[in-house]
Amino acid sequence: MRLLGIVLLGAGVVATAQTGPMLQQRPAPAQQQPTNTVDYEKGFSTLPVNASGEYELDGNGSVVQITIDQDRLTGYVSKIDQGTALTLFFVRTSIQGSRVSFTTKTVHGVSYSFTGSVVRGEKASPSEEGFFRLAGQWTLYRDGGRETEWVSLKSTPRDSQ
């Protein structure tokens, strides 16, 4: 009996020692669907290997990075706003020939989507800016609303392959 009393006393000391705030996990609602699940649809690509790479989103250093590997499209949007970078990875993608589409993860209430094509630009060499273009419909989702525009993003210079 005496040993049992000591163990209980020791357990009581441990329980009262945690007087600060504790993190608790909230139960997830039964019908809640994950909004940022990753779905890289396998399709087929008719694009050259060097179509993968960065495409300039604006004059502030923001880019869209696409990677085409084994007929799957992956990548991210890196948005520079007032000197701060926000990177949003693709969570849903599709590629069919030269047509690509993607939707990014939502970060701080912001996400992007694109549907369009990778097309040949006006430059003569892949080492020049604009050899490829990412042309199509660009959508920004923010604060429950959306803004859509047509874009033609220039590829950044890359190695010839």
Protein backbone atom coordinates (compact mmCIF):
# COMPACT_ATOMS: atom_id res chain seq x y z
CA MET A 1 0.00 0.00 0.00
CA ARG A 2 2.75 2.40 0.84
CA LEU A 3 4.37 2.04 -2.59
CA LEU A 4 1.04 2.66 -4.29
CA GLY A 5 0.61 5.92 -2.36
CA ILE A 6 3.98 7.20 -3.54
CA VAL A 7 3.19 6.43 -7.15
CA LEU A 8 -0.12 8.25 -6.93
CA LEU A 9 1.53 11.21 -5.22
CA GLY A 10 4.18 11.32 -7.98
CA ALA A 11 1.48 11.21 -10.65
CA GLY A 12 -0.35 14.06 -8.92
CA VAL A 13 2.79 16.22 -8.93
CA VAL A 14 3.28 15.67 -12.66
CA ALA A 15 -0.33 16.56 -13.41
CA THR A 16 -0.22 19.79 -11.38
CA ALA A 17 3.15 20.82 -12.82
CA GLN A 18 1.53 21.58 -16.21
CA THR A 19 -0.22 24.82 -15.33
CA GLY A 20 0.51 26.68 -18.61
CA PRO A 21 -1.60 26.56 -21.77
CA MET A 22 -1.64 23.29 -23.65
CA LEU A 23 -2.29 22.68 -27.35
CA GLN A 24 -5.38 20.64 -27.99
CA GLN A 25 -6.43 19.07 -31.23
CA ARG A 26 -9.92 19.90 -32.47
CA PRO A 27 -11.94 17.07 -33.94
CA ALA A 28 -12.52 17.50 -37.67
CA PRO A 29 -16.13 17.79 -38.83
CA ALA A 30 -17.36 14.59 -40.44
CA GLN A 31 -18.21 16.20 -43.80
CA GLN A 32 -15.11 18.39 -44.12
CA GLN A 33 -13.27 17.72 -47.38
CA PRO A 34 -9.58 18.59 -47.70
CA THR A 35 -9.19 21.59 -49.98
CA ASN A 36 -5.51 21.20 -50.75
CA THR A 37 -5.16 17.54 -51.67
CA VAL A 38 -2.56 16.90 -54.34
CA ASP A 39 -3.77 15.55 -57.69
CA TYR A 40 -1.16 15.46 -60.46
CA GLU A 41 -3.12 13.95 -63.33
CA LYS A 42 -1.03 11.85 -65.69
CA GLY A 43 -1.58 12.89 -69.27
CA PHE A 44 0.68 13.18 -72.27
CA SER A 45 3.09 15.90 -73.28
CA THR A 46 4.10 16.94 -76.78
CA LEU A 47 6.42 19.63 -75.39
CA PRO A 48 10.22 19.61 -75.54
CA VAL A 49 12.11 19.01 -72.30
CA ASN A 50 13.23 22.64 -72.06
CA ALA A 51 9.62 23.87 -71.89
CA SER A 52 10.00 23.08 -68.18
CA GLY A 53 11.27 26.09 -66.27
CA GLU A 54 10.32 29.53 -65.06
CA TYR A 55 7.85 31.92 -66.67
CA GLU A 56 7.82 35.59 -65.60
CA LEU A 57 4.60 36.55 -63.86
CA ASP A 58 5.35 40.25 -63.39
CA GLY A 59 8.23 42.71 -63.33
CA ASN A 60 8.80 42.22 -59.58
CA GLY A 61 10.52 38.83 -59.79
CA SER A 62 7.36 36.72 -59.42
CA VAL A 63 7.46 33.51 -61.47
CA VAL A 64 5.53 30.39 -62.37
CA GLN A 65 7.77 27.30 -62.31
CA ILE A 66 6.51 24.31 -64.29
CA THR A 67 8.17 20.91 -64.49
CA ILE A 68 7.05 18.28 -66.97
CA ASP A 69 8.38 14.84 -66.05
CA GLN A 70 7.05 11.48 -67.25
CA ASP A 71 3.86 13.11 -68.58
CA ARG A 72 3.05 14.77 -65.23
CA LEU A 73 3.01 18.49 -64.54
CA THR A 74 4.27 19.83 -61.20
CA GLY A 75 5.40 23.26 -60.05
CA TYR A 76 4.65 26.36 -58.06
CA VAL A 77 3.92 30.07 -58.18
CA SER A 78 6.39 32.31 -56.36
CA LYS A 79 4.78 35.70 -55.86
CA ILE A 80 6.91 38.65 -54.69
CA ASP A 81 4.86 41.35 -52.96
CA GLN A 82 6.60 44.32 -51.31
CA GLY A 83 9.83 42.34 -51.02
CA THR A 84 8.21 39.28 -49.44
CA ALA A 85 8.02 35.98 -51.32
CA LEU A 86 4.98 33.73 -51.09
CA THR A 87 5.32 30.29 -52.67
CA LEU A 88 2.17 28.37 -53.58
CA PHE A 89 2.71 24.81 -54.81
CA PHE A 90 0.46 23.19 -57.39
CA VAL A 91 -2.11 20.84 -55.87
CA ARG A 92 -4.06 19.97 -59.03
CA THR A 93 -2.54 19.70 -62.49
CA SER A 94 -3.30 18.38 -65.93
CA ILE A 95 -1.33 18.13 -69.17
CA GLN A 96 -2.68 17.12 -72.58
CA GLY A 97 -0.25 17.72 -75.43
CA SER A 98 0.77 21.37 -75.09
CA ARG A 99 -2.30 22.27 -72.97
CA VAL A 100 -1.67 22.63 -69.26
CA SER A 101 -3.77 23.55 -66.27
CA PHE A 102 -2.99 23.90 -62.59
CA THR A 103 -4.41 25.14 -59.32
CA THR A 104 -2.22 26.15 -56.39
CA LYS A 105 -2.57 25.48 -52.71
CA THR A 106 -4.37 28.21 -50.78
CA VAL A 107 -1.97 30.19 -48.57
CA HIS A 108 -3.14 33.17 -46.46
CA GLY A 109 -6.47 33.10 -48.31
CA VAL A 110 -4.84 33.38 -51.76
CA SER A 111 -4.58 30.82 -54.56
CA TYR A 112 -4.12 30.82 -58.34
CA SER A 113 -5.22 28.74 -61.29
CA PHE A 114 -4.20 28.65 -64.93
CA THR A 115 -5.64 26.98 -68.02
CA GLY A 116 -3.89 27.41 -71.34
CA SER A 117 -0.96 26.23 -73.43
CA VAL A 118 2.80 26.35 -73.64
CA VAL A 119 3.45 27.91 -77.04
CA ARG A 120 6.51 28.88 -79.02
CA GLY A 121 7.45 32.52 -78.43
CA GLU A 122 9.02 35.05 -80.75
CA LYS A 123 12.68 34.52 -79.77
CA ALA A 124 15.08 32.37 -81.79
CA SER A 125 16.84 30.53 -78.96
CA PRO A 126 15.82 28.99 -75.61
CA SER A 127 18.65 31.01 -74.05
CA GLU A 128 16.60 34.16 -74.78
CA GLU A 129 13.72 35.42 -72.64
CA GLY A 130 10.40 34.61 -74.32
CA PHE A 131 11.42 31.55 -76.37
CA PHE A 132 8.35 29.84 -74.86
CA ARG A 133 5.15 31.45 -73.59
CA LEU A 134 2.60 30.25 -71.09
CA ALA A 135 -0.56 31.65 -72.69
CA GLY A 136 -4.08 31.35 -71.31
CA GLN A 137 -6.50 32.23 -68.53
CA TRP A 138 -4.95 33.22 -65.17
CA THR A 139 -7.22 33.44 -62.11
CA LEU A 140 -6.46 34.90 -58.69
CA TYR A 141 -8.71 33.76 -55.82
CA ARG A 142 -8.69 36.06 -52.79
CA ASP A 143 -11.10 36.93 -49.98
CA GLY A 144 -13.91 34.85 -51.45
CA GLY A 145 -13.68 36.55 -54.85
CA ARG A 146 -11.79 35.95 -58.05
CA GLU A 147 -10.09 37.99 -60.73
CA THR A 148 -9.47 36.46 -64.16
CA GLU A 149 -7.29 37.75 -66.98
CA TRP A 150 -5.67 36.46 -70.14
CA VAL A 151 -1.89 36.25 -69.91
CA SER A 152 1.09 35.43 -72.08
CA LEU A 153 4.00 34.81 -69.69
CA LYS A 154 7.53 34.81 -71.11
CA SER A 155 9.91 31.95 -70.35
CA THR A 156 13.14 32.90 -68.62
CA PRO A 157 16.40 32.10 -70.44
CA ARG A 158 17.38 28.41 -70.21
CA ASP A 159 19.85 25.93 -71.59
CA SER A 160 19.17 24.47 -75.04
CA GLN A 161 18.28 20.77 -74.92
